[in-house]
């Protein structure tokens, strides 16, 4: 019966959490755990209050009653591997509610950035659609009439621009779409470690990705070090993660290098997706004996700096897009008027 129920839920398209629902879910779950609720009791409370779709809560309760791990159930709801990994680590260091609060803050900040980007891009995109429509209209209706009236010649630069520009724009969109799809498929076929290595070497993305990954690892390692765990134990915890992730793949290499006598901080220098200061913090923190707290502070700095840089990047998008639109408007007017002026001069 449990298997049939699970199959029904997974086939139902509604059995997934949106980004906003995920943030609300983790925030409420953290609050309930902080107030002494168990995970099972928390889900029962959510079902009573109907803060989330009932099908999702029923699925989670069904999974718990069948003895499934919380992380496995959440992964089937479309929760990202990164979040699942954080929850698995939380089960090791014991601070599940604190981890959930951190996940909620991260999701809320990410959702805010998405909304800002959507607001910035929406109006320019509408303008681009209208401009493209106007260009098509000129090509299909205005130019034939001008040519029939003798105002323009087919070899006029403006005429050629209007006639060929839709092909160039369409070709650019097609090439961009194919390139994006091919890049996504290429990365999917790579291991998590391979993807991280590739992304950390792409100009323009590198600095953001390195800062994000360094802060992410510093946060998870900092929690474990702060609980008094040694590096060998931490690597063992990483290797026992359920989902295939960057941490799990990394643990295999780190464990082998530790057996060869290579120091942990030196290992990090071999990976391009770790910032140089992360290895330095670990090296100095091991000497001072305050490594856990230093990593946690560093992760918070990385997070704040990352989102500040992202916010600044988003703010630059709109002026650039409007500049492109302004250039397109001038180009369209030029393409429309030059043939007419050229035809008048020939009369």
Protein backbone atom coordinates (compact mmCIF):
# COMPACT_ATOMS: atom_id res chain seq x y z
CA UNK A 1 0.00 0.00 0.00
CA UNK A 2 2.85 2.37 0.86
CA UNK A 3 4.53 1.75 -2.50
CA UNK A 4 1.27 2.43 -4.34
CA UNK A 5 0.78 5.64 -2.39
CA UNK A 6 4.32 6.76 -3.14
CA UNK A 7 3.93 5.98 -6.83
CA UNK A 8 0.72 7.99 -6.96
CA UNK A 9 2.34 10.97 -5.26
CA UNK A 10 5.40 10.95 -7.50
CA UNK A 11 3.27 10.80 -10.64
CA UNK A 12 1.26 13.77 -9.47
CA UNK A 13 2.70 16.97 -10.94
CA UNK A 14 1.71 18.95 -7.84
CA UNK A 15 4.05 16.98 -5.59
CA UNK A 16 6.89 19.47 -5.67
CA UNK A 17 7.89 22.60 -3.79
CA UNK A 18 8.41 25.94 -5.45
CA UNK A 19 11.26 28.17 -4.31
CA UNK A 20 8.95 30.28 -2.16
CA UNK A 21 7.22 27.21 -0.72
CA UNK A 22 10.62 25.69 0.09
CA UNK A 23 11.67 28.82 2.00
CA UNK A 24 8.38 28.87 3.94
CA UNK A 25 8.63 25.15 4.63
CA UNK A 26 12.17 25.27 6.05
CA UNK A 27 11.42 28.39 8.08
CA UNK A 28 8.36 26.85 9.72
CA UNK A 29 10.07 23.50 10.27
CA UNK A 30 12.99 25.23 12.01
CA UNK A 31 10.62 27.18 14.26
CA UNK A 32 8.70 24.04 15.20
CA UNK A 33 11.89 22.09 15.96
CA UNK A 34 13.13 24.98 18.12
CA UNK A 35 9.87 24.77 20.08
CA UNK A 36 10.29 21.09 20.88
CA UNK A 37 8.32 19.48 18.06
CA UNK A 38 9.64 16.33 16.44
CA UNK A 39 9.83 16.14 12.64
CA UNK A 40 6.73 13.95 12.52
CA UNK A 41 4.81 16.30 14.83
CA UNK A 42 5.94 19.27 12.74
CA UNK A 43 4.48 17.74 9.58
CA UNK A 44 1.24 16.92 11.38
CA UNK A 45 1.02 20.56 12.53
CA UNK A 46 1.64 21.78 8.98
CA UNK A 47 -1.16 19.56 7.74
CA UNK A 48 -3.59 20.99 10.30
CA UNK A 49 -2.69 24.59 9.54
CA UNK A 50 -2.67 24.01 5.75
CA UNK A 51 0.35 26.26 5.24
CA UNK A 52 1.46 23.98 2.39
CA UNK A 53 -0.45 21.83 -0.12
CA UNK A 54 -1.94 18.84 1.70
CA UNK A 55 -0.60 16.39 -0.88
CA UNK A 56 2.99 17.36 -0.06
CA UNK A 57 2.53 16.95 3.70
CA UNK A 58 0.70 13.64 3.19
CA UNK A 59 3.62 12.43 1.09
CA UNK A 60 6.20 13.42 3.72
CA UNK A 61 4.19 11.76 6.51
CA UNK A 62 3.78 8.63 4.41
CA UNK A 63 7.52 8.50 3.80
CA UNK A 64 8.34 8.95 7.51
CA UNK A 65 5.87 6.23 8.48
CA UNK A 66 7.57 3.90 6.00
CA UNK A 67 10.91 4.59 7.70
CA UNK A 68 12.45 6.64 4.90
CA UNK A 69 15.08 9.25 5.64
CA UNK A 70 13.94 12.88 5.62
CA UNK A 71 16.60 13.80 3.07
CA UNK A 72 15.44 11.10 0.65
CA UNK A 73 11.83 12.29 0.89
CA UNK A 74 12.83 15.92 0.34
CA UNK A 75 14.96 15.05 -2.68
CA UNK A 76 11.90 13.49 -4.30
CA UNK A 77 10.10 16.80 -3.87
CA UNK A 78 12.63 18.52 -6.10
CA UNK A 79 14.79 20.00 -3.32
CA UNK A 80 18.29 20.65 -4.66
CA UNK A 81 21.23 18.37 -3.88
CA UNK A 82 23.01 21.26 -2.18
CA UNK A 83 20.21 21.67 0.38
CA UNK A 84 19.92 17.92 0.90
CA UNK A 85 23.65 17.80 1.62
CA UNK A 86 23.33 20.54 4.24
CA UNK A 87 20.55 18.63 5.99
CA UNK A 88 22.60 15.43 5.94
CA UNK A 89 25.48 17.31 7.55
CA UNK A 90 23.08 18.74 10.12
CA UNK A 91 22.17 15.22 11.16
CA UNK A 92 25.87 14.70 11.93
CA UNK A 93 26.58 17.89 13.90
CA UNK A 94 23.11 17.97 15.51
CA UNK A 95 22.11 21.55 14.68
CA UNK A 96 19.22 20.72 12.34
CA UNK A 97 17.06 23.73 13.24
CA UNK A 98 19.98 26.15 12.77
CA UNK A 99 20.76 24.61 9.40
CA UNK A 100 17.13 24.90 8.31
CA UNK A 101 17.12 28.57 9.32
CA UNK A 102 20.24 29.14 7.23
CA UNK A 103 18.65 27.34 4.27
CA UNK A 104 15.55 29.51 4.58
CA UNK A 105 17.64 32.72 4.62
CA UNK A 106 19.58 31.56 1.58
CA UNK A 107 16.41 30.65 -0.34
CA UNK A 108 14.78 33.96 0.61
CA UNK A 109 17.83 35.92 -0.58
CA UNK A 110 17.98 33.92 -3.81
CA UNK A 111 14.26 34.45 -4.41
CA UNK A 112 14.72 38.19 -3.86
CA UNK A 113 17.50 38.28 -6.46
CA UNK A 114 15.31 36.41 -8.95
CA UNK A 115 12.44 38.83 -8.42
CA UNK A 116 14.75 41.81 -8.86
CA UNK A 117 16.14 40.34 -12.05
CA UNK A 118 12.64 39.62 -13.34
CA UNK A 119 11.53 43.19 -12.65
CA UNK A 120 14.61 44.60 -14.35
CA UNK A 121 14.29 42.41 -17.45
CA UNK A 122 10.51 42.42 -17.91
CA UNK A 123 10.06 45.94 -19.34
CA UNK A 124 13.12 45.84 -21.65
CA UNK A 125 12.05 42.45 -22.98
CA UNK A 126 8.59 43.79 -23.78
CA UNK A 127 10.21 46.69 -25.64
CA UNK A 128 12.42 44.30 -27.58
CA UNK A 129 9.40 42.25 -28.63
CA UNK A 130 7.63 45.39 -29.89
CA UNK A 131 10.75 46.54 -31.71
CA UNK A 132 11.18 43.18 -33.37
CA UNK A 133 7.50 43.20 -34.37
CA UNK A 134 7.90 46.71 -35.81
CA UNK A 135 10.93 45.56 -37.78
CA UNK A 136 9.00 42.63 -39.23
CA UNK A 137 6.10 44.93 -40.08
CA UNK A 138 8.42 47.34 -41.90
CA UNK A 139 9.96 44.49 -43.86
CA UNK A 140 6.67 42.93 -44.85
CA UNK A 141 4.46 45.99 -45.48
CA UNK A 142 6.31 49.34 -45.54
CA UNK A 143 9.30 48.47 -47.72
CA UNK A 144 7.30 46.83 -50.53
CA UNK A 145 5.15 49.95 -50.80
CA UNK A 146 8.19 52.25 -50.82
CA UNK A 147 9.84 50.16 -53.54
CA UNK A 148 6.68 50.11 -55.64
CA UNK A 149 6.41 53.91 -55.37
CA UNK A 150 10.00 54.31 -56.57
CA UNK A 151 11.23 56.04 -53.40
CA UNK A 152 13.82 53.38 -52.63
CA UNK A 153 16.21 51.09 -54.46
CA UNK A 154 16.79 47.48 -53.47
CA UNK A 155 20.53 48.09 -53.06
CA UNK A 156 19.96 50.85 -50.49
CA UNK A 157 21.77 50.21 -47.20
CA UNK A 158 18.66 50.88 -45.11
CA UNK A 159 16.57 48.51 -47.20
CA UNK A 160 19.15 45.76 -46.89
CA UNK A 161 19.34 46.32 -43.13
CA UNK A 162 15.57 46.00 -42.71
CA UNK A 163 15.42 42.94 -44.94
CA UNK A 164 18.28 41.02 -43.37
CA UNK A 165 18.04 42.03 -39.69
CA UNK A 166 15.23 39.57 -38.80
CA UNK A 167 17.43 36.73 -40.04
CA UNK A 168 20.38 37.95 -37.99
CA UNK A 169 18.25 38.38 -34.85
CA UNK A 170 16.55 35.01 -35.34
CA UNK A 171 19.90 33.35 -36.00
CA UNK A 172 21.39 34.93 -32.88
CA UNK A 173 18.49 33.70 -30.73
CA UNK A 174 18.72 30.22 -32.26
CA UNK A 175 22.49 29.98 -31.79
CA UNK A 176 22.20 31.26 -28.21
CA UNK A 177 19.50 28.70 -27.41
CA UNK A 178 21.42 25.82 -28.95
CA UNK A 179 24.62 26.89 -27.19
CA UNK A 180 22.88 27.11 -23.83
CA UNK A 181 21.16 23.74 -24.25
CA UNK A 182 24.42 22.10 -25.38
CA UNK A 183 26.31 23.58 -22.41
CA UNK A 184 23.68 22.30 -19.97
CA UNK A 185 23.78 18.81 -21.47
CA UNK A 186 27.59 18.85 -21.49
CA UNK A 187 27.71 19.72 -17.79
CA UNK A 188 25.07 17.12 -16.91
CA UNK A 189 27.25 14.39 -18.38
CA UNK A 190 30.16 15.42 -16.16
CA UNK A 191 30.67 14.43 -12.55
CA UNK A 192 30.02 16.98 -9.81
CA UNK A 193 33.77 17.47 -9.43
CA UNK A 194 34.18 17.92 -13.19
CA UNK A 195 31.35 20.46 -13.34
CA UNK A 196 32.82 22.45 -10.46
CA UNK A 197 36.24 22.50 -12.13
CA UNK A 198 34.78 23.70 -15.44
CA UNK A 199 32.58 26.41 -13.89
CA UNK A 200 35.48 27.71 -11.80
CA UNK A 201 37.49 28.39 -14.97
CA UNK A 202 34.89 30.26 -17.04
CA UNK A 203 35.66 34.00 -17.21
CA UNK A 204 32.90 36.12 -15.74
CA UNK A 205 31.50 33.22 -13.72
CA UNK A 206 34.70 32.13 -12.00
CA UNK A 207 34.91 34.72 -9.23
CA UNK A 208 31.23 34.33 -8.27
CA UNK A 209 31.34 30.55 -8.32
CA UNK A 210 34.58 30.29 -6.35
CA UNK A 211 33.26 32.63 -3.68
CA UNK A 212 29.96 30.76 -3.43
CA UNK A 213 31.54 27.29 -3.21
CA UNK A 214 34.20 28.43 -0.73
CA UNK A 215 31.55 29.96 1.54
CA UNK A 216 29.36 26.87 1.25
CA UNK A 217 32.13 24.44 2.21
CA UNK A 218 33.40 26.76 4.95
CA UNK A 219 29.91 26.80 6.48
CA UNK A 220 29.48 23.02 6.55
CA UNK A 221 33.05 22.27 7.63
CA UNK A 222 32.90 25.05 10.22
CA UNK A 223 29.85 23.49 11.89
CA UNK A 224 31.55 20.10 12.10
CA UNK A 225 34.87 21.50 13.33
CA UNK A 226 32.96 23.54 15.90
CA UNK A 227 31.50 20.28 17.24
CA UNK A 228 35.04 19.03 17.89
CA UNK A 229 35.29 16.67 14.92
CA UNK A 230 38.66 15.96 13.33
CA UNK A 231 39.28 16.17 9.61
CA UNK A 232 39.31 12.37 9.17
CA UNK A 233 35.88 12.12 10.78
CA UNK A 234 34.57 14.99 8.64
CA UNK A 235 35.75 13.30 5.45
CA UNK A 236 34.06 10.09 6.61
CA UNK A 237 30.80 12.03 7.08
CA UNK A 238 31.22 13.49 3.58
CA UNK A 239 31.73 10.04 2.06
CA UNK A 240 28.54 8.73 3.69
CA UNK A 241 26.26 11.31 2.08
CA UNK A 242 23.33 9.67 0.30
CA UNK A 243 23.16 11.85 -2.82
CA UNK A 244 25.98 12.09 -5.28
CA UNK A 245 27.35 15.57 -4.76
CA UNK A 246 30.55 17.58 -4.96
CA UNK A 247 31.23 16.91 -1.28
CA UNK A 248 30.88 13.16 -1.66
CA UNK A 249 33.12 12.99 -4.72
CA UNK A 250 35.64 15.27 -3.07
CA UNK A 251 35.79 13.06 0.02
CA UNK A 252 37.17 10.13 -1.98
CA UNK A 253 40.13 12.15 -3.25
CA UNK A 254 40.75 13.82 0.10
CA UNK A 255 40.74 10.52 1.96
CA UNK A 256 43.29 9.04 -0.44
CA UNK A 257 45.55 12.10 -0.16
CA UNK A 258 45.35 12.07 3.64
CA UNK A 259 46.54 8.48 3.62
CA UNK A 260 49.46 9.61 1.49
CA UNK A 261 50.34 12.17 4.16
CA UNK A 262 49.18 15.32 2.38
CA UNK A 263 47.96 18.06 4.74
CA UNK A 264 44.29 19.02 4.41
CA UNK A 265 44.94 22.72 3.81
CA UNK A 266 47.43 21.87 1.05
CA UNK A 267 44.87 19.69 -0.68
CA UNK A 268 42.51 22.63 -1.13
CA UNK A 269 45.11 24.51 -3.17
CA UNK A 270 44.83 21.85 -5.90
CA UNK A 271 41.14 22.60 -6.54
CA UNK A 272 40.38 25.72 -8.63
CA UNK A 273 36.89 26.15 -7.10
CA UNK A 274 38.31 26.95 -3.64
CA UNK A 275 39.47 30.47 -2.82
CA UNK A 276 43.11 30.86 -1.77
CA UNK A 277 42.13 32.37 1.57
CA UNK A 278 40.12 29.26 2.53
CA UNK A 279 43.27 27.12 2.62
CA UNK A 280 45.05 29.87 4.57
CA UNK A 281 42.25 30.11 7.14
CA UNK A 282 42.26 26.34 7.65
CA UNK A 283 46.04 26.26 7.98
CA UNK A 284 46.12 29.06 10.57
CA UNK A 285 42.97 27.86 12.31
CA UNK A 286 44.42 24.42 12.91
CA UNK A 287 47.38 26.05 14.65
CA UNK A 288 45.26 28.38 16.79
CA UNK A 289 42.69 25.72 17.62
CA UNK A 290 39.78 27.97 16.69
CA UNK A 291 39.13 26.65 13.20
CA UNK A 292 35.37 26.03 13.45
CA UNK A 293 34.46 29.58 14.45
CA UNK A 294 36.85 31.12 11.90
CA UNK A 295 35.28 29.07 9.09
CA UNK A 296 31.79 30.07 10.17
CA UNK A 297 32.74 33.76 10.19
CA UNK A 298 34.43 33.38 6.81
CA UNK A 299 31.35 31.67 5.34
CA UNK A 300 29.15 34.56 6.50
CA UNK A 301 31.52 37.07 4.91
CA UNK A 302 31.50 35.09 1.67
CA UNK A 303 27.71 34.95 1.67
CA UNK A 304 27.29 38.69 2.29
CA UNK A 305 29.91 39.61 -0.30
CA UNK A 306 28.45 37.20 -2.85
CA UNK A 307 24.93 38.62 -2.64
CA UNK A 308 26.23 42.20 -2.56
CA UNK A 309 28.16 41.59 -5.78
CA UNK A 310 25.15 39.87 -7.33
CA UNK A 311 22.94 42.82 -6.42
CA UNK A 312 25.40 45.24 -8.02
CA UNK A 313 25.57 43.07 -11.16
CA UNK A 314 21.79 43.04 -11.45
CA UNK A 315 21.70 46.83 -11.13
CA UNK A 316 24.05 47.09 -14.11
CA UNK A 317 21.82 44.94 -16.30
CA UNK A 318 19.02 47.44 -16.85
CA UNK A 319 21.16 50.39 -18.09
CA UNK A 320 23.00 48.08 -20.48
CA UNK A 321 19.76 46.61 -21.82
CA UNK A 322 18.21 50.05 -22.30
CA UNK A 323 21.36 51.18 -24.10
CA UNK A 324 21.00 48.24 -26.49
CA UNK A 325 17.31 49.06 -26.99
CA UNK A 326 18.13 52.73 -27.66
CA UNK A 327 20.69 51.67 -30.27
CA UNK A 328 18.09 49.37 -31.83
CA UNK A 329 15.51 52.18 -31.95
CA UNK A 330 17.96 54.53 -33.67
CA UNK A 331 18.90 51.75 -36.07
CA UNK A 332 15.28 51.08 -36.96
CA UNK A 333 14.52 54.76 -37.54
CA UNK A 334 17.64 55.06 -39.66
CA UNK A 335 16.69 51.96 -41.62
CA UNK A 336 13.22 53.41 -42.19
CA UNK A 337 14.20 56.97 -43.07
CA UNK A 338 17.38 56.47 -45.10
CA UNK A 339 15.59 54.69 -47.95
CA UNK A 340 13.00 57.49 -48.09
CA UNK A 341 15.64 60.24 -48.12
CA UNK A 342 17.63 58.33 -50.68
CA UNK A 343 14.57 58.01 -52.89
CA UNK A 344 13.76 61.73 -52.55
CA UNK A 345 17.31 62.71 -53.59
CA UNK A 346 17.06 60.56 -56.70
CA UNK A 347 13.86 62.25 -57.84
